[in-house]
Amino acid sequence: MGELNPTDLEGAERPSIATLFTRAAVKHCPRCGAGRLFHSWWKMKERCPKCDLHFEGRPEEGHFLGAITINTGLTATILLFGIWLYVIVLAMSDDGGPPVWFVVATSAALAVILPAIFYPFTKTIWVACEITMNRMDPDRHKKKASKNL
C-alpha cells in the first residue's frame, strides 16, 4: 500500500499530473490530497495519514535530493530575476537607482530566507515528481512478477 503509484489505492483513479502538482504545491499528499503531512515546518511525516503513502521511498539513495534541487532552482530564479530587475532600473533611471550595497544585502538575505520558506513545499512537490517520473507504470506489478520467475 505504501508505494507511490496512485493506482495502488483500491478503486482509485490515477490523478492527472496537474492534480498531483496542485496538491503538492499546497503541502498536501499528491496521491490522495490529504493535508497535515508535516509534524513541524522542518519535519515531514513518514507516511500519509490517509492513504499510507511512504514519502521517503529510498532514503539511502538521497531521496529528497530532488526537493533540494527544486528549492535551489526556485531561489536562484528569484534572485536572478531581482538582479535583472535591478539592471533594468539602473538602465532606465537618471539618478543611478538603489545603491549596490542595498541590492547585495537584500539578495544575501533572500538567499537565506527563501530556501527556508520553500522547504516543505518542495518536499511535497518532489513526491509528485517522483510519482510522475518513476511510479506511474500501471503494469509494474506484472513486470515485478515476471522478473521474479
N, C-alpha and C. Protein backbone atom coordinates (compact mmCIF):
# COMPACT_ATOMS: atom_id res chain seq x y z
N MET A 1 0.82 -1.20 0.00
CA MET A 1 0.00 0.00 0.00
C MET A 1 0.85 1.25 0.00
N GLY A 2 2.06 1.19 0.49
CA GLY A 2 2.87 2.38 0.64
C GLY A 2 3.59 2.82 -0.61
N GLU A 3 3.42 2.11 -1.72
CA GLU A 3 4.08 2.51 -2.95
C GLU A 3 3.56 3.87 -3.42
N LEU A 4 4.31 4.49 -4.32
CA LEU A 4 3.93 5.81 -4.79
C LEU A 4 2.90 5.78 -5.92
N ASN A 5 2.64 4.62 -6.49
CA ASN A 5 1.74 4.54 -7.61
C ASN A 5 0.30 4.80 -7.17
N PRO A 6 -0.35 5.82 -7.74
CA PRO A 6 -1.73 6.14 -7.34
C PRO A 6 -2.72 5.02 -7.59
N THR A 7 -2.42 4.12 -8.52
CA THR A 7 -3.36 3.04 -8.80
C THR A 7 -3.31 1.96 -7.73
N ASP A 8 -2.40 2.08 -6.75
CA ASP A 8 -2.36 1.13 -5.65
C ASP A 8 -3.56 1.29 -4.73
N LEU A 9 -4.17 2.45 -4.72
CA LEU A 9 -5.35 2.66 -3.89
C LEU A 9 -6.51 1.92 -4.53
N GLU A 10 -7.15 1.08 -3.77
CA GLU A 10 -8.23 0.28 -4.30
C GLU A 10 -9.36 1.17 -4.80
N GLY A 11 -9.73 0.99 -6.06
CA GLY A 11 -10.79 1.78 -6.66
C GLY A 11 -10.38 3.20 -7.01
N ALA A 12 -9.12 3.50 -6.88
CA ALA A 12 -8.68 4.88 -7.13
C ALA A 12 -8.34 5.09 -8.59
N GLU A 13 -8.67 6.24 -9.07
CA GLU A 13 -8.28 6.65 -10.41
C GLU A 13 -6.93 7.35 -10.31
N ARG A 14 -6.16 7.26 -11.34
CA ARG A 14 -4.88 7.95 -11.35
C ARG A 14 -5.13 9.45 -11.51
N PRO A 15 -4.67 10.27 -10.57
CA PRO A 15 -4.87 11.71 -10.71
C PRO A 15 -4.06 12.25 -11.88
N SER A 16 -4.54 13.32 -12.46
CA SER A 16 -3.79 13.93 -13.56
C SER A 16 -2.51 14.54 -13.00
N ILE A 17 -1.58 14.81 -13.87
CA ILE A 17 -0.32 15.42 -13.46
C ILE A 17 -0.59 16.79 -12.85
N ALA A 18 -1.51 17.54 -13.43
CA ALA A 18 -1.86 18.85 -12.87
C ALA A 18 -2.41 18.71 -11.45
N THR A 19 -3.23 17.70 -11.22
CA THR A 19 -3.78 17.47 -9.88
C THR A 19 -2.68 17.10 -8.90
N LEU A 20 -1.76 16.24 -9.32
CA LEU A 20 -0.65 15.85 -8.45
C LEU A 20 0.14 17.08 -8.00
N PHE A 21 0.49 17.94 -8.96
CA PHE A 21 1.32 19.10 -8.64
C PHE A 21 0.54 20.20 -7.91
N THR A 22 -0.75 20.31 -8.18
CA THR A 22 -1.57 21.29 -7.45
C THR A 22 -1.67 20.89 -5.98
N ARG A 23 -1.92 19.62 -5.73
CA ARG A 23 -1.98 19.14 -4.35
C ARG A 23 -0.64 19.35 -3.65
N ALA A 24 0.44 19.01 -4.34
CA ALA A 24 1.77 19.13 -3.75
C ALA A 24 2.14 20.58 -3.46
N ALA A 25 1.72 21.49 -4.31
CA ALA A 25 2.07 22.91 -4.14
C ALA A 25 1.45 23.52 -2.88
N VAL A 26 0.41 22.89 -2.35
CA VAL A 26 -0.20 23.38 -1.11
C VAL A 26 0.10 22.45 0.07
N LYS A 27 1.15 21.68 -0.03
CA LYS A 27 1.63 20.76 1.02
C LYS A 27 0.62 19.67 1.34
N HIS A 28 -0.06 19.17 0.33
CA HIS A 28 -0.97 18.05 0.51
C HIS A 28 -0.38 16.82 -0.16
N CYS A 29 -0.87 15.66 0.19
CA CYS A 29 -0.39 14.43 -0.42
C CYS A 29 -0.75 14.46 -1.90
N PRO A 30 0.23 14.29 -2.79
CA PRO A 30 -0.08 14.31 -4.22
C PRO A 30 -1.00 13.17 -4.65
N ARG A 31 -0.93 12.05 -3.94
CA ARG A 31 -1.72 10.89 -4.35
C ARG A 31 -3.18 11.00 -3.95
N CYS A 32 -3.47 11.38 -2.69
CA CYS A 32 -4.87 11.38 -2.23
C CYS A 32 -5.40 12.76 -1.88
N GLY A 33 -4.53 13.75 -1.73
CA GLY A 33 -4.95 15.10 -1.43
C GLY A 33 -5.07 15.43 0.05
N ALA A 34 -4.71 14.48 0.93
CA ALA A 34 -4.80 14.73 2.37
C ALA A 34 -3.79 15.78 2.80
N GLY A 35 -4.14 16.54 3.81
CA GLY A 35 -3.25 17.56 4.35
C GLY A 35 -2.56 17.07 5.61
N ARG A 36 -1.97 18.00 6.35
CA ARG A 36 -1.28 17.73 7.61
C ARG A 36 -0.19 16.68 7.45
N LEU A 37 0.70 16.92 6.49
CA LEU A 37 1.78 15.98 6.22
C LEU A 37 3.05 16.27 7.01
N PHE A 38 3.06 17.36 7.76
CA PHE A 38 4.26 17.77 8.46
C PHE A 38 4.00 17.84 9.96
N HIS A 39 4.97 17.32 10.74
CA HIS A 39 4.94 17.46 12.19
C HIS A 39 5.25 18.91 12.55
N SER A 40 6.20 19.48 11.84
CA SER A 40 6.62 20.86 12.01
C SER A 40 7.05 21.37 10.64
N TRP A 41 7.50 22.61 10.57
CA TRP A 41 7.93 23.16 9.29
C TRP A 41 9.05 22.34 8.66
N TRP A 42 9.90 21.75 9.50
CA TRP A 42 11.09 21.05 9.02
C TRP A 42 10.95 19.55 8.98
N LYS A 43 9.94 18.97 9.63
CA LYS A 43 9.83 17.52 9.77
C LYS A 43 8.57 17.00 9.10
N MET A 44 8.78 16.23 8.02
CA MET A 44 7.67 15.63 7.29
C MET A 44 7.34 14.27 7.90
N LYS A 45 6.06 13.95 7.93
CA LYS A 45 5.66 12.64 8.42
C LYS A 45 6.20 11.58 7.47
N GLU A 46 6.42 10.38 7.99
CA GLU A 46 6.96 9.30 7.18
C GLU A 46 5.95 8.81 6.15
N ARG A 47 4.67 8.83 6.53
CA ARG A 47 3.60 8.32 5.67
C ARG A 47 2.41 9.27 5.67
N CYS A 48 1.64 9.20 4.60
CA CYS A 48 0.41 9.99 4.52
C CYS A 48 -0.59 9.42 5.52
N PRO A 49 -1.24 10.28 6.31
CA PRO A 49 -2.20 9.77 7.29
C PRO A 49 -3.45 9.14 6.65
N LYS A 50 -3.75 9.48 5.41
CA LYS A 50 -4.96 8.95 4.77
C LYS A 50 -4.68 7.72 3.90
N CYS A 51 -3.72 7.81 2.99
CA CYS A 51 -3.51 6.72 2.02
C CYS A 51 -2.27 5.87 2.32
N ASP A 52 -1.54 6.19 3.37
CA ASP A 52 -0.37 5.43 3.80
C ASP A 52 0.79 5.48 2.81
N LEU A 53 0.81 6.50 1.98
CA LEU A 53 1.92 6.67 1.04
C LEU A 53 3.21 6.91 1.81
N HIS A 54 4.22 6.11 1.54
CA HIS A 54 5.52 6.28 2.19
C HIS A 54 6.28 7.32 1.38
N PHE A 55 6.52 8.49 1.98
CA PHE A 55 7.09 9.61 1.24
C PHE A 55 8.55 9.42 0.89
N GLU A 56 9.31 8.89 1.79
CA GLU A 56 10.74 8.75 1.54
C GLU A 56 11.00 7.34 1.04
N GLY A 57 10.79 7.17 -0.25
CA GLY A 57 10.87 5.85 -0.85
C GLY A 57 12.22 5.17 -0.71
N ARG A 58 13.28 5.89 -0.91
CA ARG A 58 14.62 5.31 -0.85
C ARG A 58 15.56 6.26 -0.11
N PRO A 59 15.50 6.33 1.21
CA PRO A 59 16.31 7.30 1.95
C PRO A 59 17.81 7.08 1.78
N GLU A 60 18.22 5.83 1.57
CA GLU A 60 19.64 5.56 1.42
C GLU A 60 20.21 6.13 0.12
N GLU A 61 19.35 6.45 -0.82
CA GLU A 61 19.79 7.00 -2.09
C GLU A 61 19.63 8.51 -2.15
N GLY A 62 19.40 9.16 -1.04
CA GLY A 62 19.22 10.61 -1.04
C GLY A 62 17.93 11.00 -1.73
N HIS A 63 16.84 10.37 -1.32
CA HIS A 63 15.55 10.54 -1.99
C HIS A 63 15.13 11.99 -2.16
N PHE A 64 15.34 12.82 -1.15
CA PHE A 64 14.87 14.20 -1.24
C PHE A 64 15.91 15.16 -1.82
N LEU A 65 16.93 14.63 -2.47
CA LEU A 65 17.89 15.48 -3.17
C LEU A 65 17.19 16.28 -4.27
N GLY A 66 16.18 15.69 -4.88
CA GLY A 66 15.39 16.40 -5.88
C GLY A 66 14.66 17.60 -5.29
N ALA A 67 14.17 17.46 -4.06
CA ALA A 67 13.49 18.59 -3.40
C ALA A 67 14.48 19.72 -3.15
N ILE A 68 15.70 19.38 -2.78
CA ILE A 68 16.73 20.39 -2.57
C ILE A 68 17.06 21.07 -3.89
N THR A 69 17.09 20.32 -4.96
CA THR A 69 17.37 20.88 -6.28
C THR A 69 16.26 21.84 -6.70
N ILE A 70 15.01 21.47 -6.48
CA ILE A 70 13.89 22.35 -6.80
C ILE A 70 13.97 23.62 -5.97
N ASN A 71 14.28 23.47 -4.69
CA ASN A 71 14.39 24.60 -3.79
C ASN A 71 15.50 25.56 -4.26
N THR A 72 16.64 25.01 -4.59
CA THR A 72 17.76 25.82 -5.08
C THR A 72 17.40 26.52 -6.38
N GLY A 73 16.72 25.82 -7.28
CA GLY A 73 16.31 26.41 -8.55
C GLY A 73 15.33 27.55 -8.37
N LEU A 74 14.35 27.37 -7.50
CA LEU A 74 13.39 28.45 -7.23
C LEU A 74 14.09 29.68 -6.64
N THR A 75 14.96 29.45 -5.68
CA THR A 75 15.68 30.55 -5.04
C THR A 75 16.56 31.27 -6.05
N ALA A 76 17.31 30.51 -6.85
CA ALA A 76 18.20 31.12 -7.84
C ALA A 76 17.41 31.90 -8.89
N THR A 77 16.26 31.38 -9.30
CA THR A 77 15.43 32.08 -10.28
C THR A 77 14.94 33.41 -9.74
N ILE A 78 14.49 33.41 -8.50
CA ILE A 78 14.01 34.67 -7.89
C ILE A 78 15.16 35.66 -7.74
N LEU A 79 16.32 35.19 -7.32
CA LEU A 79 17.48 36.08 -7.17
C LEU A 79 17.92 36.64 -8.53
N LEU A 80 17.94 35.79 -9.54
CA LEU A 80 18.33 36.27 -10.88
C LEU A 80 17.31 37.26 -11.43
N PHE A 81 16.04 37.03 -11.17
CA PHE A 81 15.01 37.98 -11.58
C PHE A 81 15.23 39.32 -10.89
N GLY A 82 15.57 39.29 -9.60
CA GLY A 82 15.85 40.53 -8.86
C GLY A 82 17.05 41.28 -9.41
N ILE A 83 18.10 40.55 -9.76
CA ILE A 83 19.28 41.20 -10.34
C ILE A 83 18.93 41.79 -11.71
N TRP A 84 18.16 41.04 -12.49
CA TRP A 84 17.75 41.52 -13.81
C TRP A 84 16.91 42.79 -13.66
N LEU A 85 16.02 42.79 -12.69
CA LEU A 85 15.20 43.96 -12.41
C LEU A 85 16.06 45.15 -12.00
N TYR A 86 17.08 44.91 -11.19
CA TYR A 86 17.99 45.96 -10.77
C TYR A 86 18.73 46.56 -11.97
N VAL A 87 19.17 45.73 -12.88
CA VAL A 87 19.85 46.21 -14.08
C VAL A 87 18.92 47.08 -14.92
N ILE A 88 17.67 46.67 -15.04
CA ILE A 88 16.70 47.47 -15.80
C ILE A 88 16.47 48.82 -15.13
N VAL A 89 16.33 48.80 -13.80
CA VAL A 89 16.15 50.06 -13.06
C VAL A 89 17.35 50.98 -13.26
N LEU A 90 18.55 50.41 -13.19
CA LEU A 90 19.77 51.21 -13.41
C LEU A 90 19.80 51.80 -14.81
N ALA A 91 19.41 51.01 -15.79
CA ALA A 91 19.45 51.47 -17.18
C ALA A 91 18.41 52.56 -17.44
N MET A 92 17.29 52.51 -16.74
CA MET A 92 16.21 53.46 -17.02
C MET A 92 16.23 54.70 -16.12
N SER A 93 17.00 54.66 -15.04
CA SER A 93 16.97 55.80 -14.12
C SER A 93 18.12 56.77 -14.41
N ASP A 94 17.83 58.02 -14.15
CA ASP A 94 18.84 59.06 -14.36
C ASP A 94 19.70 59.26 -13.12
N ASP A 95 19.17 58.92 -11.94
CA ASP A 95 19.91 59.18 -10.70
C ASP A 95 20.70 57.98 -10.20
N GLY A 96 20.77 56.90 -10.95
CA GLY A 96 21.60 55.75 -10.57
C GLY A 96 20.87 54.63 -9.88
N GLY A 97 19.63 54.83 -9.46
CA GLY A 97 18.87 53.76 -8.82
C GLY A 97 19.35 53.46 -7.41
N PRO A 98 18.89 52.34 -6.84
CA PRO A 98 19.28 52.00 -5.47
C PRO A 98 20.77 51.66 -5.39
N PRO A 99 21.37 51.88 -4.24
CA PRO A 99 22.80 51.59 -4.10
C PRO A 99 23.08 50.09 -4.19
N VAL A 100 24.28 49.75 -4.63
CA VAL A 100 24.66 48.35 -4.80
C VAL A 100 24.63 47.60 -3.47
N TRP A 101 25.07 48.24 -2.39
CA TRP A 101 25.09 47.55 -1.09
C TRP A 101 23.70 47.09 -0.69
N PHE A 102 22.67 47.88 -1.04
CA PHE A 102 21.29 47.51 -0.72
C PHE A 102 20.88 46.26 -1.49
N VAL A 103 21.24 46.20 -2.76
CA VAL A 103 20.90 45.04 -3.60
C VAL A 103 21.65 43.81 -3.11
N VAL A 104 22.90 43.95 -2.76
CA VAL A 104 23.70 42.82 -2.26
C VAL A 104 23.14 42.32 -0.93
N ALA A 105 22.83 43.22 -0.02
CA ALA A 105 22.29 42.83 1.29
C ALA A 105 20.93 42.16 1.14
N THR A 106 20.08 42.71 0.28
CA THR A 106 18.76 42.12 0.06
C THR A 106 18.90 40.73 -0.57
N SER A 107 19.78 40.60 -1.55
CA SER A 107 19.99 39.30 -2.20
C SER A 107 20.53 38.27 -1.21
N ALA A 108 21.46 38.68 -0.37
CA ALA A 108 22.01 37.76 0.63
C ALA A 108 20.94 37.30 1.61
N ALA A 109 20.11 38.22 2.05
CA ALA A 109 19.03 37.86 2.97
C ALA A 109 18.03 36.92 2.30
N LEU A 110 17.68 37.21 1.07
CA LEU A 110 16.75 36.34 0.34
C LEU A 110 17.34 34.96 0.09
N ALA A 111 18.64 34.89 -0.14
CA ALA A 111 19.30 33.61 -0.38
C ALA A 111 19.24 32.71 0.85
N VAL A 112 19.08 33.29 2.02
CA VAL A 112 18.96 32.51 3.25
C VAL A 112 17.48 32.25 3.59
N ILE A 113 16.65 33.24 3.41
CA ILE A 113 15.24 33.15 3.82
C ILE A 113 14.40 32.29 2.86
N LEU A 114 14.57 32.48 1.56
CA LEU A 114 13.71 31.78 0.59
C LEU A 114 13.80 30.26 0.68
N PRO A 115 15.00 29.66 0.77
CA PRO A 115 15.02 28.19 0.90
C PRO A 115 14.27 27.69 2.13
N ALA A 116 14.33 28.44 3.21
CA ALA A 116 13.60 28.04 4.42
C ALA A 116 12.09 28.12 4.20
N ILE A 117 11.65 29.13 3.48
CA ILE A 117 10.22 29.28 3.19
C ILE A 117 9.74 28.18 2.25
N PHE A 118 10.54 27.86 1.23
CA PHE A 118 10.15 26.88 0.22
C PHE A 118 10.27 25.43 0.69
N TYR A 119 11.02 25.18 1.76
CA TYR A 119 11.39 23.82 2.16
C TYR A 119 10.24 22.80 2.16
N PRO A 120 9.17 22.99 2.92
CA PRO A 120 8.14 21.95 2.94
C PRO A 120 7.40 21.80 1.61
N PHE A 121 7.26 22.90 0.90
CA PHE A 121 6.56 22.84 -0.39
C PHE A 121 7.35 22.02 -1.41
N THR A 122 8.67 22.21 -1.42
CA THR A 122 9.48 21.48 -2.39
C THR A 122 9.55 19.99 -2.06
N LYS A 123 9.39 19.64 -0.80
CA LYS A 123 9.37 18.21 -0.46
C LYS A 123 8.12 17.53 -1.03
N THR A 124 6.96 18.17 -0.89
CA THR A 124 5.75 17.55 -1.44
C THR A 124 5.75 17.63 -2.97
N ILE A 125 6.31 18.69 -3.52
CA ILE A 125 6.42 18.78 -4.99
C ILE A 125 7.33 17.67 -5.50
N TRP A 126 8.40 17.37 -4.76
CA TRP A 126 9.29 16.29 -5.20
C TRP A 126 8.58 14.94 -5.16
N VAL A 127 7.72 14.72 -4.17
CA VAL A 127 6.96 13.47 -4.14
C VAL A 127 6.08 13.38 -5.38
N ALA A 128 5.47 14.49 -5.80
CA ALA A 128 4.67 14.50 -7.03
C ALA A 128 5.54 14.20 -8.24
N CYS A 129 6.74 14.75 -8.28
CA CYS A 129 7.68 14.45 -9.38
C CYS A 129 8.02 12.97 -9.40
N GLU A 130 8.28 12.43 -8.22
CA GLU A 130 8.63 11.01 -8.11
C GLU A 130 7.49 10.13 -8.61
N ILE A 131 6.26 10.47 -8.24
CA ILE A 131 5.12 9.70 -8.73
C ILE A 131 5.03 9.80 -10.25
N THR A 132 5.19 11.01 -10.77
CA THR A 132 5.06 11.22 -12.20
C THR A 132 6.16 10.51 -12.99
N MET A 133 7.38 10.60 -12.52
CA MET A 133 8.51 10.06 -13.28
C MET A 133 8.70 8.56 -13.13
N ASN A 134 8.57 8.05 -11.93
CA ASN A 134 9.02 6.68 -11.68
C ASN A 134 7.95 5.67 -11.34
N ARG A 135 6.83 6.12 -10.87
CA ARG A 135 5.91 5.14 -10.31
C ARG A 135 4.53 5.19 -10.95
N MET A 136 4.43 5.66 -12.17
CA MET A 136 3.11 5.77 -12.81
C MET A 136 2.84 4.62 -13.77
N ASP A 137 3.66 3.60 -13.77
CA ASP A 137 3.51 2.48 -14.69
C ASP A 137 2.45 1.51 -14.16
N PRO A 138 1.28 1.43 -14.82
CA PRO A 138 0.22 0.56 -14.30
C PRO A 138 0.58 -0.93 -14.39
N ASP A 139 1.56 -1.29 -15.21
CA ASP A 139 1.94 -2.70 -15.38
C ASP A 139 3.14 -3.09 -14.52
N ARG A 140 3.54 -2.25 -13.58
CA ARG A 140 4.75 -2.54 -12.82
C ARG A 140 4.63 -3.79 -11.97
N HIS A 141 3.41 -4.12 -11.49
CA HIS A 141 3.22 -5.33 -10.71
C HIS A 141 3.49 -6.56 -11.60
N LYS A 142 3.04 -6.51 -12.86
CA LYS A 142 3.29 -7.60 -13.80
C LYS A 142 4.79 -7.72 -14.09
N LYS A 143 5.46 -6.59 -14.24
CA LYS A 143 6.90 -6.61 -14.53
C LYS A 143 7.68 -7.19 -13.36
N LYS A 144 7.29 -6.84 -12.12
CA LYS A 144 7.96 -7.37 -10.94
C LYS A 144 7.76 -8.88 -10.87
N ALA A 145 6.54 -9.33 -11.18
CA ALA A 145 6.25 -10.76 -11.12
C ALA A 145 7.04 -11.52 -12.17
N SER A 146 7.18 -10.96 -13.38
CA SER A 146 7.92 -11.64 -14.43
C SER A 146 9.42 -11.67 -14.13
N LYS A 147 9.94 -10.68 -13.41
CA LYS A 147 11.35 -10.67 -13.05
C LYS A 147 11.64 -11.73 -11.98
N ASN A 148 10.67 -12.01 -11.14
CA ASN A 148 10.85 -12.99 -10.07
C ASN A 148 10.77 -14.42 -10.57
N LEU A 149 10.30 -14.65 -11.79
CA LEU A 149 10.17 -16.01 -12.33
C LEU A 149 11.47 -16.59 -12.72
